[in-house]
C-alpha atoms as a PDB file:
ATOM      1  CA  MET A   1    -167.173  82.563-187.205  1.00  0.00           C
ATOM      2  CA  ALA A   2    -163.474  83.430-187.329  1.00  0.00           C
ATOM      3  CA  LEU A   3    -162.929  80.860-190.089  1.00  0.00           C
ATOM      4  CA  THR A   4    -165.735  82.410-192.118  1.00  0.00           C
ATOM      5  CA  VAL A   5    -164.179  85.849-191.682  1.00  0.00           C
ATOM      6  CA  LEU A   6    -160.855  84.339-192.780  1.00  0.00           C
ATOM      7  CA  ARG A   7    -162.492  83.284-196.048  1.00  0.00           C
ATOM      8  CA  LEU A   8    -163.724  86.846-196.564  1.00  0.00           C
ATOM      9  CA  LEU A   9    -160.213  88.143-195.931  1.00  0.00           C
ATOM     10  CA  LEU A  10    -158.731  85.667-198.391  1.00  0.00           C
ATOM     11  CA  ALA A  11    -160.685  87.279-201.258  1.00  0.00           C
ATOM     12  CA  PRO A  12    -158.530  90.443-201.300  1.00  0.00           C
ATOM     13  CA  VAL A  13    -155.475  88.201-200.970  1.00  0.00           C
ATOM     14  CA  LEU A  14    -156.456  86.636-204.311  1.00  0.00           C
ATOM     15  CA  VAL A  15    -156.680  90.118-205.825  1.00  0.00           C
ATOM     16  CA  TRP A  16    -153.238  90.956-204.458  1.00  0.00           C
ATOM     17  CA  LEU A  17    -151.824  87.677-205.846  1.00  0.00           C
ATOM     18  CA  VAL A  18    -153.116  88.573-209.320  1.00  0.00           C
ATOM     19  CA  TYR A  19    -151.436  91.987-209.270  1.00  0.00           C
ATOM     20  CA  ALA A  20    -148.277  90.622-207.649  1.00  0.00           C
ATOM     21  CA  ASP A  21    -147.963  88.065-210.460  1.00  0.00           C
ATOM     22  CA  ALA A  22    -147.693  85.370-207.791  1.00  0.00           C
ATOM     23  CA  SER A  23    -146.893  81.748-208.437  1.00  0.00           C
ATOM     24  CA  GLY A  24    -149.563  79.152-209.071  1.00  0.00           C
ATOM     25  CA  PHE A  25    -148.676  77.510-205.775  1.00  0.00           C
ATOM     26  CA  ALA A  26    -149.664  80.685-203.917  1.00  0.00           C
ATOM     27  CA  PHE A  27    -153.078  80.695-205.625  1.00  0.00           C
ATOM     28  CA  ALA A  28    -153.542  76.987-204.950  1.00  0.00           C
ATOM     29  CA  GLY A  29    -152.611  77.501-201.302  1.00  0.00           C
ATOM     30  CA  VAL A  30    -155.092  80.345-200.791  1.00  0.00           C
ATOM     31  CA  ILE A  31    -157.891  78.427-202.503  1.00  0.00           C
ATOM     32  CA  PHE A  32    -157.149  75.311-200.470  1.00  0.00           C
ATOM     33  CA  LEU A  33    -157.016  77.348-197.240  1.00  0.00           C
ATOM     34  CA  ALA A  34    -160.427  78.842-198.081  1.00  0.00           C
ATOM     35  CA  PHE A  35    -161.821  75.340-198.622  1.00  0.00           C
ATOM     36  CA  VAL A  36    -160.389  74.072-195.333  1.00  0.00           C
ATOM     37  CA  SER A  37    -161.788  77.086-193.472  1.00  0.00           C
ATOM     38  CA  ASP A  38    -165.203  76.494-195.060  1.00  0.00           C
ATOM     39  CA  TYR A  39    -165.212  72.855-194.034  1.00  0.00           C
ATOM     40  CA  PHE A  40    -164.038  73.365-190.485  1.00  0.00           C
ATOM     41  CA  ASP A  41    -166.153  76.417-189.677  1.00  0.00           C
ATOM     42  CA  GLY A  42    -169.265  74.255-190.099  1.00  0.00           C
ATOM     43  CA  VAL A  43    -167.822  71.289-188.230  1.00  0.00           C
ATOM     44  CA  ILE A  44    -166.721  73.438-185.302  1.00  0.00           C
ATOM     45  CA  ALA A  45    -169.966  75.439-185.172  1.00  0.00           C
ATOM     46  CA  ARG A  46    -172.031  72.241-184.984  1.00  0.00           C
ATOM     47  CA  ARG A  47    -169.718  70.672-182.380  1.00  0.00           C
ATOM     48  CA  VAL A  48    -169.875  73.627-180.025  1.00  0.00           C
ATOM     49  CA  GLY A  49    -173.578  74.196-180.675  1.00  0.00           C
ATOM     50  CA  VAL A  50    -173.399  77.687-182.195  1.00  0.00           C
ATOM     51  CA  SER A  51    -174.671  76.805-185.672  1.00  0.00           C
ATOM     52  CA  SER A  52    -177.594  79.078-186.476  1.00  0.00           C
ATOM     53  CA  ALA A  53    -179.511  80.240-189.535  1.00  0.00           C
ATOM     54  CA  GLU A  54    -177.718  83.595-189.366  1.00  0.00           C
ATOM     55  CA  LEU A  55    -174.284  81.999-189.148  1.00  0.00           C
ATOM     56  CA  ARG A  56    -175.096  79.626-192.025  1.00  0.00           C
ATOM     57  CA  HIS A  57    -176.280  82.586-194.089  1.00  0.00           C
ATOM     58  CA  PHE A  58    -173.069  84.505-193.329  1.00  0.00           C
ATOM     59  CA  ASP A  59    -171.110  81.403-194.373  1.00  0.00           C
ATOM     60  CA  SER A  60    -172.936  81.317-197.715  1.00  0.00           C
ATOM     61  CA  ARG A  61    -172.254  85.004-198.355  1.00  0.00           C
ATOM     62  CA  ALA A  62    -168.562  84.553-197.496  1.00  0.00           C
ATOM     63  CA  ASP A  63    -168.428  81.706-200.029  1.00  0.00           C
ATOM     64  CA  LEU A  64    -170.050  83.952-202.629  1.00  0.00           C
ATOM     65  CA  VAL A  65    -167.506  86.734-202.085  1.00  0.00           C
ATOM     66  CA  PHE A  66    -164.524  84.384-202.128  1.00  0.00           C
ATOM     67  CA  TYR A  67    -165.567  82.380-205.186  1.00  0.00           C
ATOM     68  CA  ALA A  68    -166.651  85.460-207.140  1.00  0.00           C
ATOM     69  CA  THR A  69    -163.178  86.845-206.494  1.00  0.00           C
ATOM     70  CA  ALA A  70    -161.665  83.515-207.560  1.00  0.00           C
ATOM     71  CA  ALA A  71    -163.673  83.689-210.814  1.00  0.00           C
ATOM     72  CA  TRP A  72    -162.293  87.178-211.407  1.00  0.00           C
ATOM     73  CA  ALA A  73    -158.768  85.842-210.772  1.00  0.00           C
ATOM     74  CA  VAL A  74    -159.359  83.075-213.333  1.00  0.00           C
ATOM     75  CA  TRP A  75    -160.535  85.690-215.836  1.00  0.00           C
ATOM     76  CA  ARG A  76    -157.348  87.704-215.237  1.00  0.00           C
ATOM     77  CA  ILE A  77    -154.842  84.809-215.197  1.00  0.00           C
ATOM     78  CA  HIS A  78    -156.491  82.333-217.600  1.00  0.00           C
ATOM     79  CA  PRO A  79    -158.659  84.402-219.960  1.00  0.00           C
ATOM     80  CA  ASP A  80    -158.691  81.566-222.520  1.00  0.00           C
ATOM     81  CA  VAL A  81    -160.371  79.243-220.004  1.00  0.00           C
ATOM     82  CA  ALA A  82    -162.717  82.016-218.869  1.00  0.00           C
ATOM     83  CA  ARG A  83    -163.809  82.591-222.478  1.00  0.00           C
ATOM     84  CA  ARG A  84    -164.407  78.864-223.053  1.00  0.00           C
ATOM     85  CA  VAL A  85    -166.736  78.579-220.051  1.00  0.00           C
ATOM     86  CA  ALA A  86    -168.215  82.073-220.202  1.00  0.00           C
ATOM     87  CA  ILE A  87    -171.695  81.105-221.412  1.00  0.00           C
ATOM     88  CA  PRO A  88    -172.329  78.162-219.073  1.00  0.00           C
ATOM     89  CA  GLY A  89    -170.620  80.090-216.272  1.00  0.00           C
ATOM     90  CA  LEU A  90    -172.936  83.040-216.845  1.00  0.00           C
ATOM     91  CA  VAL A  91    -175.897  80.638-216.804  1.00  0.00           C
ATOM     92  CA  VAL A  92    -174.784  79.410-213.354  1.00  0.00           C
ATOM     93  CA  ILE A  93    -174.489  83.024-212.174  1.00  0.00           C
ATOM     94  CA  GLY A  94    -177.834  83.917-213.752  1.00  0.00           C
ATOM     95  CA  LEU A  95    -179.539  80.996-212.005  1.00  0.00           C
ATOM     96  CA  ASP A  96    -178.003  82.114-208.725  1.00  0.00           C
ATOM     97  CA  VAL A  97    -179.314  85.648-209.199  1.00  0.00           C
ATOM     98  CA  ALA A  98    -182.744  84.325-210.247  1.00  0.00           C
ATOM     99  CA  ARG A  99    -182.811  82.150-207.163  1.00  0.00           C
ATOM    100  CA  HIS A 100    -182.031  85.073-204.866  1.00  0.00           C
ATOM    101  CA  VAL A 101    -184.732  87.199-206.510  1.00  0.00           C
ATOM    102  CA  PHE A 102    -187.211  84.327-206.224  1.00  0.00           C
ATOM    103  CA  ASP A 103    -186.268  83.706-202.576  1.00  0.00           C
ATOM    104  CA  PHE A 104    -186.773  87.353-201.658  1.00  0.00           C
ATOM    105  CA  ALA A 105    -190.081  87.481-203.548  1.00  0.00           C
ATOM    106  CA  LYS A 106    -191.382  84.293-201.928  1.00  0.00           C
ATOM    107  CA  PHE A 107    -189.886  84.415-198.427  1.00  0.00           C
ATOM    108  CA  GLY A 108    -188.922  88.056-197.948  1.00  0.00           C
ATOM    109  CA  LYS A 109    -185.326  87.051-197.272  1.00  0.00           C
ATOM    110  CA  ASP A 110    -182.424  85.060-198.612  1.00  0.00           C
ATOM    111  CA  VAL A 111    -181.976  81.344-197.978  1.00  0.00           C
ATOM    112  CA  ALA A 112    -179.017  79.140-197.081  1.00  0.00           C
ATOM    113  CA  TYR A 113    -179.892  75.524-197.841  1.00  0.00           C
ATOM    114  CA  HIS A 114    -176.382  74.043-197.796  1.00  0.00           C
ATOM    115  CA  ALA A 115    -177.735  71.317-200.066  1.00  0.00           C
ATOM    116  CA  TRP A 116    -175.648  68.263-200.769  1.00  0.00           C
ATOM    117  CA  SER A 117    -175.495  69.192-204.461  1.00  0.00           C
ATOM    118  CA  SER A 118    -173.959  72.531-203.461  1.00  0.00           C
ATOM    119  CA  LYS A 119    -171.416  70.776-201.274  1.00  0.00           C
ATOM    120  CA  VAL A 120    -170.413  68.457-204.134  1.00  0.00           C
ATOM    121  CA  TRP A 121    -170.222  71.472-206.444  1.00  0.00           C
ATOM    122  CA  GLY A 122    -168.060  73.301-203.908  1.00  0.00           C
ATOM    123  CA  LEU A 123    -165.658  70.364-203.661  1.00  0.00           C
ATOM    124  CA  PHE A 124    -165.274  70.097-207.429  1.00  0.00           C
ATOM    125  CA  LEU A 125    -165.007  73.870-207.751  1.00  0.00           C
ATOM    126  CA  VAL A 126    -162.062  73.825-205.356  1.00  0.00           C
ATOM    127  CA  ILE A 127    -160.454  70.936-207.218  1.00  0.00           C
ATOM    128  CA  ALA A 128    -160.907  72.791-210.526  1.00  0.00           C
ATOM    129  CA  LEU A 129    -159.565  76.067-209.114  1.00  0.00           C
ATOM    130  CA  VAL A 130    -156.534  74.487-207.444  1.00  0.00           C
ATOM    131  CA  LEU A 131    -155.637  72.549-210.591  1.00  0.00           C
ATOM    132  CA  LEU A 132    -156.206  75.526-212.896  1.00  0.00           C
ATOM    133  CA  MET A 133    -154.656  78.290-210.817  1.00  0.00           C
ATOM    134  CA  GLY A 134    -151.939  76.122-209.298  1.00  0.00           C
ATOM    135  CA  PHE A 135    -150.929  73.935-212.210  1.00  0.00           C
ATOM    136  CA  GLY A 136    -152.622  75.288-215.350  1.00  0.00           C
ATOM    137  CA  VAL A 137    -154.812  72.177-215.722  1.00  0.00           C
ATOM    138  CA  ALA A 138    -158.344  72.961-216.884  1.00  0.00           C
ATOM    139  CA  SER A 139    -159.734  69.763-218.432  1.00  0.00           C
ATOM    140  CA  PRO A 140    -161.952  68.094-217.413  1.00  0.00           C
ATOM    141  CA  TRP A 141    -162.247  69.705-213.981  1.00  0.00           C
ATOM    142  CA  VAL A 142    -163.509  73.163-214.943  1.00  0.00           C
ATOM    143  CA  ALA A 143    -166.248  71.656-217.121  1.00  0.00           C
ATOM    144  CA  ILE A 144    -167.257  69.242-214.347  1.00  0.00           C
ATOM    145  CA  ALA A 145    -167.443  72.110-211.856  1.00  0.00           C
ATOM    146  CA  ILE A 146    -169.648  74.120-214.242  1.00  0.00           C
ATOM    147  CA  VAL A 147    -172.050  71.192-214.786  1.00  0.00           C
ATOM    148  CA  LEU A 148    -172.257  70.553-211.044  1.00  0.00           C
ATOM    149  CA  GLY A 149    -172.882  74.275-210.522  1.00  0.00           C
ATOM    150  CA  LEU A 150    -175.815  74.135-212.925  1.00  0.00           C
ATOM    151  CA  ILE A 151    -177.238  71.125-211.088  1.00  0.00           C
ATOM    152  CA  ALA A 152    -176.806  72.768-207.679  1.00  0.00           C
ATOM    153  CA  GLN A 153    -178.414  76.033-208.800  1.00  0.00           C
ATOM    154  CA  VAL A 154    -181.391  74.273-210.398  1.00  0.00           C
ATOM    155  CA  GLU A 155    -181.890  72.147-207.287  1.00  0.00           C
ATOM    156  CA  GLY A 156    -181.704  75.250-205.079  1.00  0.00           C
ATOM    157  CA  LEU A 157    -184.337  76.988-207.199  1.00  0.00           C
ATOM    158  CA  LEU A 158    -186.574  73.902-207.086  1.00  0.00           C
ATOM    159  CA  ILE A 159    -186.156  73.631-203.302  1.00  0.00           C
ATOM    160  CA  SER A 160    -187.280  77.247-202.988  1.00  0.00           C
ATOM    161  CA  ALA A 161    -190.245  76.590-205.264  1.00  0.00           C
ATOM    162  CA  VAL A 162    -191.315  73.519-203.268  1.00  0.00           C
ATOM    163  CA  LEU A 163    -190.910  74.859-199.727  1.00  0.00           C
ATOM    164  CA  PRO A 164    -194.080  76.374-198.294  1.00  0.00           C
ATOM    165  CA  VAL A 165    -192.183  78.544-195.769  1.00  0.00           C
ATOM    166  CA  TRP A 166    -188.649  79.851-195.300  1.00  0.00           C
ATOM    167  CA  THR A 167    -186.264  77.373-193.760  1.00  0.00           C
ATOM    168  CA  HIS A 168    -182.553  76.658-193.847  1.00  0.00           C
ATOM    169  CA  ASP A 169    -180.335  73.597-194.146  1.00  0.00           C
ATOM    170  CA  VAL A 170    -182.404  71.591-196.631  1.00  0.00           C
ATOM    171  CA  PRO A 171    -180.067  68.863-197.936  1.00  0.00           C
ATOM    172  CA  THR A 172    -182.000  67.809-201.065  1.00  0.00           C
ATOM    173  CA  LEU A 173    -185.129  68.420-203.090  1.00  0.00           C
ATOM    174  CA  ILE A 174    -186.551  65.232-201.558  1.00  0.00           C
ATOM    175  CA  HIS A 175    -186.183  66.803-198.112  1.00  0.00           C
ATOM    176  CA  ALA A 176    -187.996  69.909-199.381  1.00  0.00           C
ATOM    177  CA  PHE A 177    -190.922  67.722-200.504  1.00  0.00           C
ATOM    178  CA  ARG A 178    -190.977  66.085-197.054  1.00  0.00           C
ATOM    179  CA  ILE A 179    -191.094  69.514-195.397  1.00  0.00           C
ATOM    180  CA  ARG A 180    -193.896  70.544-197.740  1.00  0.00           C
ATOM    181  CA  ARG A 181    -195.865  67.356-196.916  1.00  0.00           C
ATOM    182  CA  SER A 182    -195.463  67.989-193.190  1.00  0.00           C
ATOM    183  CA  TYR A 183    -197.051  71.441-193.634  1.00  0.00           C
ATOM    184  CA  THR A 184    -199.967  70.116-195.676  1.00  0.00           C
ATOM    185  CA  LYS A 185    -200.727  67.457-193.030  1.00  0.00           C
ATOM    186  CA  ALA A 186    -200.753  70.002-190.195  1.00  0.00           C
END
C-alpha cells in the first residue's frame, strides 16, 4: 500500500516540476519511479497475501490521479503534442468516463479489472511519457499509447457489459465470457 501512496504523492511532484521548470530527466525519473512503484506494489501484495479487491481498486485510482496529472504536465510542457493527440486522447478519457458510469449503473460500484490490455497500455504510456517528457521524443510512442488506450478502454467496457455480476481482476474479454458461462450453468 505504501508504494501506491507513493504514486499518489508523485502527482503533486509532477506539478511542482512543471512550475519549477525542471529538466526532462527529472520528469522522466518521476514517471519511471511511478511505474516501478505500480509494478512492485502488485507483486509485493500478491507475495505477502494482502492483495484484495479494495487494494486493487485503490491502485487503479492512484494510477488515474498520477496519469491525469502527467497528461496535464504534457499539456503544459508540450502543448503542440497535446494538441495533436487531443481528439483521440479525449476519446480515451470519454470511454473511461462512460465505463465508470456504466459500471456504477450495472454493478452499483466501480471496477478494477487490471486487464492485460490495460497493463500493455500502461507500459507503453510510461514509455511514451518518459521519452516525451525526458527527451522530447513523441513519435511514434505517443500515438501507440493512444491507440492502446482506446483498445484497453473498449475492452474494459465490453468486459463490464459481458459480466453478469461485479468482480475484479478479469484479465481479458475471453475470461469475462468464461465467468458469464459459469453463472449461466449454475
